[in-house]
Protein backbone atom coordinates (compact mmCIF):
# COMPACT_ATOMS: atom_id res chain seq x y z
CA MET A 1 -0.17 0.24 -0.16
CA PRO A 2 1.32 3.59 -1.07
CA ILE A 3 1.92 5.93 1.35
CA SER A 4 -0.63 8.30 1.38
CA MET A 5 -0.39 11.91 0.45
CA ASN A 6 -3.41 13.09 1.93
CA PRO A 7 -3.19 16.42 3.74
CA ASP A 8 -5.36 15.39 6.73
CA GLN A 9 -2.96 11.95 7.38
CA TYR A 10 0.25 14.58 7.59
CA THR A 11 2.12 14.08 10.73
CA GLN A 12 3.68 16.49 12.73
CA GLY A 13 7.45 17.09 12.73
CA GLY A 14 9.95 18.93 15.07
CA LEU A 15 9.28 20.66 18.38
CA LEU A 16 6.04 21.66 19.31
CA ASN A 17 5.09 24.75 20.97
CA ASN A 18 2.42 25.97 22.78
CA VAL A 19 0.21 22.93 22.27
CA ASP A 20 -2.10 20.16 24.47
CA VAL A 21 -0.70 17.12 23.88
CA ARG A 22 -1.32 13.17 24.94
CA VAL A 23 1.71 11.16 25.54
CA VAL A 24 0.75 7.84 23.48
CA SER A 25 4.55 5.57 23.63
CA ALA A 26 7.85 6.05 25.28
CA ARG A 27 11.04 4.52 24.90
CA TYR A 28 14.39 5.81 25.80
CA ALA A 29 16.71 5.82 23.03
CA ARG A 30 19.57 7.54 21.07
CA PHE A 31 19.13 10.98 19.67
CA ASP A 32 21.34 13.47 17.97
CA TYR A 33 18.77 16.39 18.03
CA ASN A 34 18.45 15.85 14.14
CA GLY A 35 21.84 15.21 13.07
CA THR A 36 23.30 18.34 14.71
CA THR A 37 25.48 16.35 17.61
CA ASN A 38 26.62 13.53 18.50
CA ASP A 39 24.64 10.43 19.81
CA VAL A 40 23.23 11.07 23.43
CA PRO A 41 20.45 8.90 25.08
CA SER A 42 17.32 10.67 25.59
CA LEU A 43 13.84 9.86 26.70
CA GLU A 44 11.48 9.37 23.18
CA LEU A 45 7.51 10.68 24.07
CA MET A 46 5.46 10.01 21.08
CA VAL A 47 2.60 13.10 21.30
CA VAL A 48 -0.22 13.53 19.47
CA PRO A 49 -2.38 17.27 19.60
CA LEU A 50 -5.37 16.38 21.87
CA ASP A 51 -7.75 18.32 19.46
CA GLY A 52 -6.74 16.25 16.41
CA SER A 53 -5.01 18.76 14.11
CA GLY A 54 -1.70 16.76 13.94
CA GLY A 55 -0.68 13.42 13.76
CA GLU A 56 1.84 11.46 15.87
CA SER A 57 5.48 13.02 16.94
CA ALA A 58 8.14 12.46 18.75
CA GLN A 59 9.71 14.68 21.49
CA HIS A 60 12.86 14.10 23.17
CA TRP A 61 14.76 14.94 26.46
CA VAL A 62 18.07 14.45 26.80
CA CYS A 63 19.47 12.95 29.96
CA GLY A 64 23.18 12.50 29.98
CA ASP A 65 26.14 10.88 27.80
CA LEU A 66 26.58 6.93 25.95
CA LYS A 67 29.53 6.74 28.49
CA HIS A 68 27.44 6.99 31.50
CA PHE A 69 24.04 5.67 30.31
CA ILE A 70 22.60 3.94 27.72
CA PRO A 71 19.40 2.70 26.40
CA SER A 72 18.31 -1.28 27.60
CA ASP A 73 17.06 -3.31 24.40
CA ASP A 74 13.47 -2.65 24.87
CA GLY A 75 13.91 1.14 25.74
CA MET A 76 12.14 0.84 29.02
CA THR A 77 15.18 1.43 30.77
CA LEU A 78 18.25 3.44 30.88
CA GLU A 79 21.31 1.32 32.37
CA PRO A 80 24.68 2.00 33.64
CA ALA A 81 27.09 1.83 30.38
CA SER A 82 29.95 0.79 32.65
CA GLN A 83 30.83 0.57 36.71
CA ASP A 84 32.10 4.09 36.83
CA ALA A 85 28.53 5.22 35.49
CA PRO A 86 26.49 7.63 37.85
CA PRO A 87 23.79 6.93 40.16
CA SER A 88 21.03 9.08 38.51
CA ILE A 89 21.05 11.43 36.05
CA ARG A 90 22.40 14.85 36.27
CA ASN A 91 20.02 17.62 37.28
CA ASN A 92 20.59 20.07 34.51
CA THR A 93 19.58 17.63 31.94
CA ASN A 94 16.63 18.24 29.63
CA LEU A 95 14.66 14.99 31.38
CA ALA A 96 15.66 16.30 34.86
CA ALA A 97 14.28 19.55 33.73
CA LEU A 98 10.91 17.69 32.58
CA ASN A 99 10.78 16.01 35.36
CA LYS A 100 10.79 18.72 37.97
CA GLU A 101 7.96 20.39 35.80
CA LEU A 102 6.13 17.62 35.96
CA THR A 103 6.01 17.23 39.94
CA ALA A 104 5.72 20.75 41.01
CA LEU A 105 2.19 20.11 39.11
CA GLY A 106 1.20 17.74 41.17
CA TRP A 107 2.86 14.20 39.64
CA PRO A 108 4.32 12.60 42.68
CA LYS A 109 7.95 11.67 42.74
CA ASN A 110 7.71 8.29 43.30
CA ARG A 111 6.63 7.34 40.10
CA PHE A 112 9.83 7.66 38.74
CA ASP A 113 11.24 5.64 41.29
CA SER A 114 11.11 2.62 38.75
CA GLY A 115 13.02 4.70 35.89
CA ARG A 116 10.54 3.15 33.36
CA ALA A 117 9.48 5.04 29.66
CA ASP A 118 6.12 4.14 30.27
CA VAL A 119 5.28 5.79 33.43
CA TYR A 120 4.39 8.82 31.12
CA VAL A 121 1.79 6.77 28.68
CA GLY A 122 -1.51 8.64 28.59
CA LEU A 123 -0.14 11.73 30.51
CA GLU A 124 -1.93 15.10 28.91
CA MET A 125 -0.62 17.76 29.07
CA HIS A 126 -0.02 21.35 28.43
CA MET A 127 3.18 22.14 26.72
CA VAL A 128 6.11 25.15 25.62
CA ARG A 129 9.26 25.33 24.43
CA LYS A 130 11.70 26.81 26.77
CA LYS A 131 15.84 27.28 26.58
CA SER A 132 17.65 23.87 26.52
CA VAL A 133 19.42 23.84 29.40
CA ASN A 134 21.47 20.41 28.18
CA GLN A 135 24.70 20.86 26.37
CA ASP A 136 25.36 16.77 26.08
CA GLY A 137 26.65 16.14 22.53
CA GLU A 138 29.40 17.81 20.39
CA LYS A 139 27.39 20.15 19.04
CA LYS A 140 27.86 20.53 15.09
CA ASP A 141 25.45 24.04 14.40
CA ASP A 142 25.05 27.33 16.55
CA LYS A 143 21.52 26.90 16.83
CA PRO A 144 20.11 27.33 20.01
CA ARG A 145 18.55 24.32 21.96
CA GLU A 146 15.22 24.54 23.34
CA VAL A 147 13.21 22.07 25.20
CA LEU A 148 9.14 21.07 25.23
CA LEU A 149 8.17 21.54 29.10
CA PRO A 150 4.87 21.24 30.53
CA THR A 151 3.12 24.10 32.38
CA THR A 152 0.25 22.42 33.34
CA ILE A 153 -1.05 18.66 33.94
CA ILE A 154 -4.70 17.85 31.73
CA LYS A 155 -4.68 14.01 33.03
CA PHE A 156 -2.69 12.30 34.89
CA PRO A 157 -1.51 8.52 33.22
CA TRP A 158 -3.73 6.81 36.06
CA ASP A 159 -6.77 9.10 35.61
CA ASN A 160 -9.84 7.97 33.76
CA LYS A 161 -11.30 11.38 32.68
CA ARG A 162 -9.04 14.70 32.53
CA THR A 163 -9.34 16.82 35.77
CA GLY A 164 -9.04 20.49 33.97
CA LYS A 165 -5.72 22.52 33.74
CA THR A 166 -3.94 23.22 36.38
CA ASN A 167 -0.94 26.08 36.33
CA THR A 168 2.03 25.84 38.31
CA ALA A 169 1.10 28.22 40.60
CA THR A 170 -2.14 27.04 41.93
CA ALA A 171 -0.85 23.42 41.80
CA THR A 172 2.13 24.22 43.83
CA ALA A 173 0.04 25.99 46.08
CA SER A 174 -2.43 23.77 46.75
CA ARG A 175 -0.44 20.55 47.39
CA PRO A 176 -0.29 19.88 51.31
CA SER A 177 3.30 19.07 53.05
CA THR A 178 1.45 15.73 53.61
CA GLY A 179 2.47 14.89 49.95
CA THR A 180 -0.74 14.34 48.21
CA ALA A 181 -0.50 15.88 44.99
CA THR A 182 -3.85 18.35 44.40
CA GLY A 183 -4.63 20.18 41.04
CA THR A 184 -7.70 22.43 40.85
CA ALA A 185 -9.45 23.90 38.02
CA THR A 186 -12.77 23.14 37.08
CA GLY A 187 -12.86 20.29 39.43
CA THR A 188 -10.36 19.13 41.54
CA ALA A 189 -7.95 15.54 41.00
CA THR A 190 -6.59 14.25 44.21
CA GLY A 191 -3.47 11.23 44.01
CA THR A 192 -1.82 10.07 47.02
CA ALA A 193 1.87 10.38 47.35
CA THR A 194 2.16 6.30 47.60
CA GLY A 195 0.74 6.57 43.49
CA THR A 196 -2.34 3.93 44.70
CA PRO A 197 -5.43 5.49 42.51
CA SER A 198 -8.32 5.92 43.93
CA ALA A 199 -11.43 3.64 43.11
CA SER A 200 -12.68 6.04 40.93
CA ASN A 201 -9.31 6.07 39.05
CA VAL A 202 -8.69 2.35 38.73
CA ALA A 203 -8.52 1.52 34.97
CA ALA A 204 -11.18 -0.43 33.19
CA PRO A 205 -10.08 -4.39 32.48
CA PRO A 206 -8.06 -4.73 28.99
CA VAL A 207 -9.81 -5.88 25.89
CA ASP A 208 -9.39 -9.29 24.88
CA PRO A 209 -7.11 -9.57 21.87
CA ALA A 210 -9.37 -11.79 20.20
CA THR A 211 -11.99 -9.15 20.57
CA ASN A 212 -10.74 -5.96 19.75
CA PRO A 213 -12.58 -4.06 17.19
CA HIS A 214 -9.38 -3.04 15.38
CA ARG A 215 -7.68 -6.60 15.48
CA GLU A 216 -8.05 -7.01 11.17
CA VAL A 217 -6.98 -3.58 11.05
CA VAL A 218 -4.11 -4.55 12.72
CA LYS A 219 -3.45 -7.10 11.10
CA ALA A 220 -3.08 -6.00 7.77
CA ALA A 221 -0.79 -3.15 9.04
CA VAL A 222 1.18 -5.84 10.43
CA VAL A 223 1.99 -7.92 7.53
CA GLN A 224 2.50 -4.90 5.55
CA PHE A 225 5.09 -3.57 7.50
CA MET A 226 7.14 -6.46 8.68
CA ALA A 227 7.28 -7.34 4.33
CA PHE A 228 9.65 -4.57 4.32
CA PRO A 229 12.94 -5.52 3.77
CA ALA A 230 14.38 -3.85 6.16
CA ASN A 231 12.20 -5.81 8.83
CA ALA A 232 13.58 -9.29 7.63
CA GLY A 233 15.70 -9.93 10.73
CA GLY A 234 12.38 -8.45 12.60
CA VAL A 235 12.04 -5.69 15.06
CA GLY A 236 10.67 -5.20 18.57
CA ARG A 237 7.45 -4.11 19.98
CA PHE A 238 7.86 -0.90 20.48
CA ASP A 239 9.24 -0.43 16.93
CA LEU A 240 6.17 -2.10 15.63
CA LYS A 241 4.09 -0.01 17.16
CA LYS A 242 5.88 2.93 15.92
CA GLY A 243 6.26 1.57 12.39
CA ILE A 244 2.20 0.48 12.08
CA TYR A 245 1.40 3.62 13.23
CA PRO A 246 0.97 5.15 10.09
CA LEU A 247 -0.58 2.01 8.42
CA ILE A 248 -3.69 2.09 10.55
CA ALA A 249 -5.11 5.93 9.75
CA THR A 250 -8.60 4.36 9.53
CA VAL A 251 -8.26 3.93 13.19
CA PRO A 252 -9.49 6.96 15.23
CA ILE A 253 -6.82 8.70 17.05
CA ALA A 254 -8.82 8.46 20.67
CA GLU A 255 -8.38 4.32 19.89
CA LYS A 256 -4.90 4.30 18.48
CA LYS A 257 -3.58 3.18 22.12
CA LEU A 258 -6.28 0.48 22.12
CA ALA A 259 -5.29 -0.54 18.05
CA LEU A 260 -1.44 -0.89 19.33
CA SER A 261 -2.37 -2.96 22.43
CA LEU A 262 -2.85 -5.96 20.43
CA ILE A 263 1.23 -5.69 19.60
CA ASP A 264 1.74 -6.69 23.48
CA SER A 265 -0.41 -9.72 23.01
CA ASP A 266 1.16 -13.35 21.71
CA GLU A 267 -2.38 -14.87 20.76
CA PHE A 268 -2.51 -11.74 18.08
CA LEU A 269 1.40 -12.21 17.14
CA ASP A 270 0.41 -16.24 16.72
CA TYR A 271 -3.00 -15.35 14.58
CA VAL A 272 -1.04 -12.77 12.35
CA PRO A 273 1.27 -15.20 12.18
CA LEU A 274 4.48 -14.14 13.57
CA MET A 275 6.66 -15.29 16.32
CA LEU A 276 8.75 -13.89 18.91
CA ASP A 277 12.65 -14.72 19.05
CA GLY A 278 14.28 -13.50 22.61
CA ASP A 279 13.19 -9.74 22.25
CA ARG A 280 11.91 -9.50 18.15
CA VAL A 281 8.94 -10.11 16.75
CA VAL A 282 10.01 -11.72 13.52
CA ASN A 283 8.25 -13.20 10.59
CA LEU A 284 7.12 -17.71 10.37
């Protein structure tokens, strides 16, 4: 199937600005500031505008140097590159800036304890460009670096509904010293510092892959993507999701996550049919 040139299906590229977004997938990956530096480790968040004005785009937050940290094979964590690696990222990296802004807006700090990239998936926030504090990587041009940072959390990943917009001042002032995170707008959203959601915020049970309404669309997209010669050696599940995203244009943006969840199902991979070779998905 040829790549569509329909303007309604174009994806956004580059750094967004002054926009409400939802995080649809996340991983740690190597990043070179679009060819302007050597590779450095970064958090890569795939985001989509909440107003439906554009497609998915990759945004990066650099977090150090590859001599210290490398992405894990599945991209979910950062791993020490040597025995001399520091115990955590520096506080003047772009990723540190992102996480500091999120905690100032009410994100419980202990939610970051696992170090997993997928803790951000489902987060909805308003973001603006700011001057980057990070200088990692050997710079190859004189362009100023910028970083995308949140000014409002619209919905936490563990909430089932949006809580409204919360500016930094309100979130900080209204957060009690006990560690309870509170944001106010049209309503009030509260999450305890232990990270345990209230009963009303418990996620709905996952959809059975056998009854997922997007099963056949995703299957066709996977078959097409895996037929590309470059994928003959197999791909990781994250890269498979990323690769088929533009091929499932008929799936509404609000249901993309549900459709892509099929890739996490071994039963669905058998149905395609595909098989797992270690952590890679390969053709039978």
